[in-house]
Amino acid sequence: MNAFRCYKPKPHRIFLPSVYEQKLRGIYARLDDARDLVVSEGEIPAAKPTRADLTVFDFARVARIVVPELGSDFQDRLSVLEGEGLTKKAVVFQVCLNLTEPWVGAAVDILRYRGYFFGGPMPRWFDGDGLLMQKILCPPNFEGIVIVSDFAKQLLEFIKEDWIITCTKFIPCLTPALISG
C-alpha cells in the first residue's frame, strides 16, 4: 500500500491515459492539490531514448521499473528490464510512468498489451505525478484484501475488472512455469 501527503502545494499539469481518464478524474477529485487534467495524446517521441531504472525487491519477488522519460525504445528497454526481473525470480512487475509527459497514454497501451493493469496514481512521484501499472505472474488474491471504505471497495473492483480485461484480451497472464522456476 502506498500513501502520499504533499506538504508544499505545486499546481501542475498531468496527462490522463484515455483508458483510465474517468477513474483518474474521480481519484484526483478527492485530492486537495491543484492539477490541470488533460487527456493524453500523441506518440512517444522518436528523438530520445527511454530513461528507466529497475529495482528488484528479492524478498517480495517484486521488480519495480521507474520510467521518468519515455522514448522510442520503450518496448525494448521494458523487455530488457523485465528479463532482468525474471532472472531474479520476480513474479510482480510494477511500472511507474510519468504523467507529466503528454504521450503517456501510448505507453499505457503498450503496457496493457503486455499484461499490465491499473495500479493507481502516485502523486508527486516525479515531483509531477506518476501512474503505477502492474503485472503479476500468479493468480491474485483479491479476496484476501481487507477493504474498509466504499471508495476503496469500488477502486478494488475497478482494478479487478482491469486485470481480467488485460489478461483475457491481451495475453494469458497466469504462467505457472515462471512462478515455480
Protein backbone atom coordinates (compact mmCIF):
# COMPACT_ATOMS: atom_id res chain seq x y z
CA MET A 1 0.00 0.00 0.00
CA ASN A 2 1.19 3.49 -0.80
CA ALA A 3 0.14 6.67 0.94
CA PHE A 4 1.03 10.18 -0.16
CA ARG A 5 0.96 13.55 1.58
CA CYS A 6 2.03 16.79 -0.07
CA TYR A 7 3.31 19.41 2.35
CA LYS A 8 4.02 22.09 -0.24
CA PRO A 9 1.41 22.71 -2.94
CA LYS A 10 2.60 22.55 -6.53
CA PRO A 11 -0.12 23.09 -9.13
CA HIS A 12 0.85 21.24 -12.31
CA ARG A 13 -0.49 19.65 -15.48
CA ILE A 14 -0.84 15.91 -15.86
CA PHE A 15 -1.96 13.82 -18.79
CA LEU A 16 -4.54 11.09 -18.25
CA PRO A 17 -4.40 7.97 -20.42
CA SER A 18 -7.80 7.82 -22.11
CA VAL A 19 -8.47 4.24 -20.96
CA TYR A 20 -8.26 5.42 -17.32
CA GLU A 21 -9.46 9.02 -17.72
CA GLN A 22 -12.74 8.71 -15.80
CA LYS A 23 -11.29 6.65 -12.95
CA LEU A 24 -8.33 9.01 -12.54
CA ARG A 25 -10.59 12.09 -12.62
CA GLY A 26 -12.59 10.53 -9.78
CA ILE A 27 -9.47 9.83 -7.75
CA TYR A 28 -7.99 13.27 -8.35
CA ALA A 29 -11.27 14.94 -7.36
CA ARG A 30 -10.59 13.65 -3.85
CA LEU A 31 -7.16 15.35 -3.60
CA ASP A 32 -6.61 18.92 -2.44
CA ASP A 33 -3.54 19.78 -4.55
CA ALA A 34 -4.46 21.60 -7.79
CA ARG A 35 -3.82 19.86 -11.11
CA ASP A 36 -4.72 20.65 -14.68
CA LEU A 37 -6.04 17.32 -16.01
CA VAL A 38 -5.67 16.82 -19.78
CA VAL A 39 -6.25 13.66 -21.82
CA SER A 40 -3.01 12.16 -23.10
CA GLU A 41 -2.47 12.29 -26.85
CA GLY A 42 0.27 11.62 -29.32
CA GLU A 43 3.01 9.13 -29.95
CA ILE A 44 6.13 8.60 -27.89
CA PRO A 45 8.84 10.84 -29.40
CA ALA A 46 11.31 9.09 -31.67
CA ALA A 47 14.11 11.55 -30.98
CA LYS A 48 15.06 10.48 -27.46
CA PRO A 49 15.81 7.27 -25.57
CA THR A 50 13.81 5.94 -22.64
CA ARG A 51 15.17 6.57 -19.17
CA ALA A 52 14.15 3.72 -16.89
CA ASP A 53 15.59 2.02 -13.83
CA LEU A 54 14.89 -1.36 -12.27
CA THR A 55 14.84 -2.17 -8.57
CA VAL A 56 14.19 -5.77 -7.52
CA PHE A 57 12.92 -6.49 -4.03
CA ASP A 58 14.16 -10.09 -3.76
CA PHE A 59 12.33 -10.89 -0.51
CA ALA A 60 8.98 -9.93 -2.06
CA ARG A 61 9.77 -11.09 -5.63
CA VAL A 62 8.81 -7.63 -6.91
CA ALA A 63 10.50 -5.84 -9.81
CA ARG A 64 9.83 -2.10 -9.92
CA ILE A 65 10.59 -0.19 -13.11
CA VAL A 66 10.54 3.59 -12.80
CA VAL A 67 10.27 5.47 -16.10
CA PRO A 68 10.87 9.22 -15.73
CA GLU A 69 11.21 9.70 -19.51
CA LEU A 70 9.68 7.74 -22.36
CA GLY A 71 11.48 7.33 -25.66
CA SER A 72 11.05 5.42 -28.89
CA ASP A 73 12.90 2.41 -27.43
CA PHE A 74 10.40 1.99 -24.56
CA GLN A 75 9.29 -1.51 -25.57
CA ASP A 76 12.85 -2.76 -26.00
CA ARG A 77 14.00 -1.19 -22.72
CA LEU A 78 10.99 -2.70 -20.95
CA SER A 79 11.81 -6.15 -22.35
CA VAL A 80 15.39 -5.93 -21.06
CA LEU A 81 14.29 -4.82 -17.58
CA GLU A 82 11.53 -7.45 -17.39
CA GLY A 83 14.11 -10.06 -18.37
CA GLU A 84 16.39 -8.94 -15.55
CA GLY A 85 13.45 -9.15 -13.14
CA LEU A 86 12.61 -12.67 -14.33
CA THR A 87 16.19 -13.85 -13.79
CA LYS A 88 15.83 -12.66 -10.20
CA LYS A 89 12.57 -14.65 -9.91
CA ALA A 90 10.22 -11.66 -9.71
CA VAL A 91 6.53 -12.53 -10.01
CA VAL A 92 5.19 -8.99 -9.58
CA PHE A 93 6.21 -6.26 -12.00
CA GLN A 94 5.42 -2.63 -11.31
CA VAL A 95 5.98 0.17 -13.81
CA CYS A 96 5.67 3.79 -12.77
CA LEU A 97 5.12 6.19 -15.66
CA ASN A 98 5.47 9.96 -15.60
CA LEU A 99 2.02 11.58 -16.03
CA THR A 100 3.59 14.92 -16.99
CA GLU A 101 4.53 13.50 -20.41
CA PRO A 102 1.74 14.17 -22.95
CA TRP A 103 2.28 10.79 -24.68
CA VAL A 104 2.00 8.68 -21.51
CA GLY A 105 -1.22 7.14 -22.88
CA ALA A 106 0.77 5.43 -25.66
CA ALA A 107 2.97 3.79 -23.01
CA VAL A 108 -0.10 2.64 -21.07
CA ASP A 109 -1.44 0.99 -24.24
CA ILE A 110 1.89 -0.83 -24.68
CA LEU A 111 1.87 -1.98 -21.06
CA ARG A 112 -1.73 -3.19 -21.20
CA TYR A 113 -0.92 -5.22 -24.31
CA ARG A 114 1.90 -6.82 -22.30
CA GLY A 115 -0.40 -7.77 -19.41
CA TYR A 116 -0.11 -4.75 -17.11
CA PHE A 117 -3.18 -3.38 -15.37
CA PHE A 118 -4.15 -0.31 -13.34
CA GLY A 119 -2.35 0.22 -10.06
CA GLY A 120 -3.23 3.84 -9.34
CA PRO A 121 -1.86 7.37 -9.36
CA MET A 122 1.29 8.25 -7.44
CA PRO A 123 1.01 11.94 -6.56
CA ARG A 124 4.26 13.90 -6.87
CA TRP A 125 6.30 10.73 -7.53
CA PHE A 126 8.38 12.59 -10.13
CA ASP A 127 7.56 15.93 -8.49
CA GLY A 128 4.79 15.81 -11.07
CA ASP A 129 2.61 12.67 -10.74
CA GLY A 130 3.19 9.07 -11.69
CA LEU A 131 0.90 6.23 -12.69
CA LEU A 132 1.52 2.74 -11.36
CA MET A 133 0.83 -0.15 -13.72
CA GLN A 134 1.37 -3.72 -12.56
CA LYS A 135 1.65 -7.23 -13.89
CA ILE A 136 1.55 -10.41 -11.85
CA LEU A 137 2.64 -13.86 -12.93
CA CYS A 138 0.41 -15.70 -10.47
CA PRO A 139 -3.28 -15.58 -9.62
CA PRO A 140 -4.08 -12.52 -7.48
CA ASN A 141 -5.63 -12.94 -4.06
CA PHE A 142 -8.20 -10.17 -4.35
CA GLU A 143 -10.36 -11.89 -1.73
CA GLY A 144 -7.56 -11.59 0.83
CA ILE A 145 -7.52 -7.79 0.63
CA VAL A 146 -9.28 -6.16 3.58
CA ILE A 147 -11.14 -3.03 2.49
CA VAL A 148 -12.86 -0.54 4.78
CA SER A 149 -14.21 2.40 2.77
CA ASP A 150 -16.75 2.29 -0.03
CA PHE A 151 -14.37 4.25 -2.26
CA ALA A 152 -11.62 1.68 -1.70
CA LYS A 153 -14.06 -1.15 -2.45
CA GLN A 154 -15.03 0.50 -5.74
CA LEU A 155 -11.37 1.04 -6.61
CA LEU A 156 -10.53 -2.61 -5.93
CA GLU A 157 -13.45 -3.68 -8.13
CA PHE A 158 -12.12 -1.46 -10.93
CA ILE A 159 -8.63 -2.95 -10.56
CA LYS A 160 -10.05 -6.50 -10.65
CA GLU A 161 -12.01 -5.70 -13.80
CA ASP A 162 -8.96 -4.15 -15.45
CA TRP A 163 -6.86 -7.20 -14.54
CA ILE A 164 -9.47 -9.52 -16.10
CA ILE A 165 -9.72 -7.41 -19.27
CA THR A 166 -5.96 -7.10 -19.63
CA CYS A 167 -5.27 -10.78 -19.05
CA THR A 168 -8.07 -12.16 -21.19
CA LYS A 169 -7.88 -9.63 -24.01
CA PHE A 170 -4.15 -9.27 -24.46
CA ILE A 171 -2.13 -12.16 -23.03
CA PRO A 172 -2.50 -15.22 -20.83
CA CYS A 173 -1.15 -13.78 -17.58
CA LEU A 174 -1.05 -16.93 -15.49
CA THR A 175 2.25 -18.63 -16.21
CA PRO A 176 2.92 -21.35 -13.60
CA ALA A 177 6.22 -22.33 -15.24
CA LEU A 178 7.64 -18.90 -14.46
CA ILE A 179 6.42 -19.00 -10.86
CA SER A 180 7.95 -22.37 -9.99
CA GLY A 181 11.25 -21.56 -11.76
